[in-house]
Structures are given as structure tokens and as C-alpha cells.
N, C-alpha and C. Protein backbone atom coordinates (compact mmCIF):
# COMPACT_ATOMS: atom_id res chain seq x y z
N MET A 1 -10.27 0.07 5.78
CA MET A 1 -9.60 -1.07 5.18
C MET A 1 -10.15 -2.34 5.83
N ASN A 2 -10.52 -3.29 4.99
CA ASN A 2 -11.09 -4.52 5.54
C ASN A 2 -9.99 -5.54 5.85
N GLU A 3 -10.40 -6.63 6.44
CA GLU A 3 -9.45 -7.67 6.88
C GLU A 3 -8.69 -8.29 5.71
N ARG A 4 -9.37 -8.47 4.61
CA ARG A 4 -8.72 -9.05 3.43
C ARG A 4 -7.59 -8.15 2.93
N ASP A 5 -7.84 -6.84 2.92
CA ASP A 5 -6.81 -5.89 2.50
C ASP A 5 -5.61 -5.93 3.45
N ARG A 6 -5.87 -6.01 4.74
CA ARG A 6 -4.79 -6.08 5.72
C ARG A 6 -3.93 -7.34 5.52
N GLU A 7 -4.61 -8.46 5.28
CA GLU A 7 -3.88 -9.71 5.04
C GLU A 7 -3.02 -9.61 3.78
N ALA A 8 -3.57 -9.01 2.73
CA ALA A 8 -2.81 -8.84 1.49
C ALA A 8 -1.59 -7.96 1.73
N LEU A 9 -1.74 -6.87 2.46
CA LEU A 9 -0.61 -5.99 2.76
C LEU A 9 0.44 -6.69 3.61
N ASN A 10 0.00 -7.48 4.57
CA ASN A 10 0.95 -8.25 5.38
C ASN A 10 1.73 -9.25 4.53
N ASP A 11 1.06 -9.86 3.57
CA ASP A 11 1.74 -10.78 2.65
C ASP A 11 2.79 -10.03 1.82
N ILE A 12 2.42 -8.86 1.33
CA ILE A 12 3.34 -8.05 0.54
C ILE A 12 4.56 -7.65 1.36
N ILE A 13 4.34 -7.23 2.59
CA ILE A 13 5.46 -6.85 3.46
C ILE A 13 6.37 -8.04 3.73
N GLY A 14 5.79 -9.20 3.95
CA GLY A 14 6.58 -10.41 4.19
C GLY A 14 7.46 -10.77 3.00
N VAL A 15 6.90 -10.66 1.81
CA VAL A 15 7.66 -10.98 0.61
C VAL A 15 8.76 -9.95 0.39
N LEU A 16 8.47 -8.68 0.65
CA LEU A 16 9.50 -7.64 0.53
C LEU A 16 10.66 -7.90 1.48
N ASP A 17 10.35 -8.30 2.70
CA ASP A 17 11.40 -8.65 3.67
C ASP A 17 12.27 -9.79 3.14
N ARG A 18 11.63 -10.78 2.56
CA ARG A 18 12.40 -11.90 1.98
C ARG A 18 13.29 -11.42 0.85
N ALA A 19 12.74 -10.59 -0.04
CA ALA A 19 13.51 -10.10 -1.19
C ALA A 19 14.71 -9.27 -0.74
N LEU A 20 14.55 -8.51 0.32
CA LEU A 20 15.67 -7.71 0.82
C LEU A 20 16.79 -8.58 1.37
N GLY A 21 16.50 -9.82 1.70
CA GLY A 21 17.50 -10.73 2.22
C GLY A 21 18.26 -11.50 1.16
N PHE A 22 17.88 -11.32 -0.11
CA PHE A 22 18.58 -12.03 -1.18
C PHE A 22 20.02 -11.52 -1.28
N PRO A 23 20.97 -12.40 -1.56
CA PRO A 23 22.39 -12.02 -1.60
C PRO A 23 22.77 -11.32 -2.91
N ILE A 24 22.33 -10.10 -3.07
CA ILE A 24 22.61 -9.34 -4.29
C ILE A 24 23.58 -8.22 -3.92
N SER A 25 24.84 -8.40 -4.29
CA SER A 25 25.86 -7.43 -3.90
C SER A 25 25.97 -6.26 -4.87
N SER A 26 25.48 -6.45 -6.10
CA SER A 26 25.53 -5.36 -7.07
C SER A 26 24.53 -5.63 -8.19
N PHE A 27 24.28 -4.61 -8.98
CA PHE A 27 23.37 -4.77 -10.11
C PHE A 27 23.94 -5.76 -11.12
N GLN A 28 25.25 -5.75 -11.28
CA GLN A 28 25.89 -6.67 -12.22
C GLN A 28 25.65 -8.12 -11.81
N VAL A 29 25.76 -8.40 -10.52
CA VAL A 29 25.49 -9.76 -10.02
C VAL A 29 24.05 -10.14 -10.34
N LEU A 30 23.13 -9.21 -10.14
CA LEU A 30 21.72 -9.47 -10.44
C LEU A 30 21.54 -9.77 -11.93
N GLU A 31 22.18 -8.98 -12.79
CA GLU A 31 22.06 -9.19 -14.24
C GLU A 31 22.60 -10.54 -14.67
N GLU A 32 23.63 -11.04 -13.98
CA GLU A 32 24.30 -12.26 -14.39
C GLU A 32 23.75 -13.53 -13.74
N THR A 33 22.80 -13.40 -12.85
CA THR A 33 22.32 -14.54 -12.08
C THR A 33 20.82 -14.75 -12.30
N ASP A 34 20.50 -15.76 -13.09
CA ASP A 34 19.10 -16.01 -13.45
C ASP A 34 18.22 -16.30 -12.23
N TYR A 35 18.71 -17.13 -11.31
CA TYR A 35 17.85 -17.50 -10.18
C TYR A 35 17.56 -16.30 -9.29
N LEU A 36 18.51 -15.36 -9.16
CA LEU A 36 18.24 -14.15 -8.37
C LEU A 36 17.22 -13.27 -9.06
N GLN A 37 17.32 -13.16 -10.39
CA GLN A 37 16.32 -12.40 -11.13
C GLN A 37 14.94 -12.99 -10.94
N ASP A 38 14.83 -14.31 -11.09
CA ASP A 38 13.54 -14.98 -10.92
C ASP A 38 12.98 -14.76 -9.52
N ALA A 39 13.83 -14.93 -8.52
CA ALA A 39 13.39 -14.77 -7.14
C ALA A 39 12.95 -13.33 -6.87
N LEU A 40 13.71 -12.37 -7.33
CA LEU A 40 13.39 -10.97 -7.09
C LEU A 40 12.12 -10.56 -7.82
N ILE A 41 11.98 -10.98 -9.05
CA ILE A 41 10.79 -10.63 -9.84
C ILE A 41 9.54 -11.24 -9.21
N ARG A 42 9.63 -12.47 -8.75
CA ARG A 42 8.45 -13.12 -8.18
C ARG A 42 8.15 -12.63 -6.77
N CYS A 43 9.13 -12.15 -6.10
CA CYS A 43 8.89 -11.62 -4.75
C CYS A 43 8.71 -10.12 -4.80
């Protein structure tokens, strides 16, 4: 694995950590909240 691949994977892990911190208490909340959907889809 080259350095570019490692950097890409580190970026992916960082974004996943951020997404896990979003305040989503249930699937229904996610369905009803546009900004959470946008944030989760983009992250």
C-alpha cells in the first residue's frame, strides 16, 4: 500500500468517526431530519 492509499484510508476513518458522533437516536429521527441525512450521506 502506498502513501496516498494510507492517507485516503485515514481520511475515511476520520469521517467515519465524525459520522458516529452525529446525534441520531433512532432511524425515525434520521428519516425526519434533512440535515442529519445530508451529513450522514456526505460523511
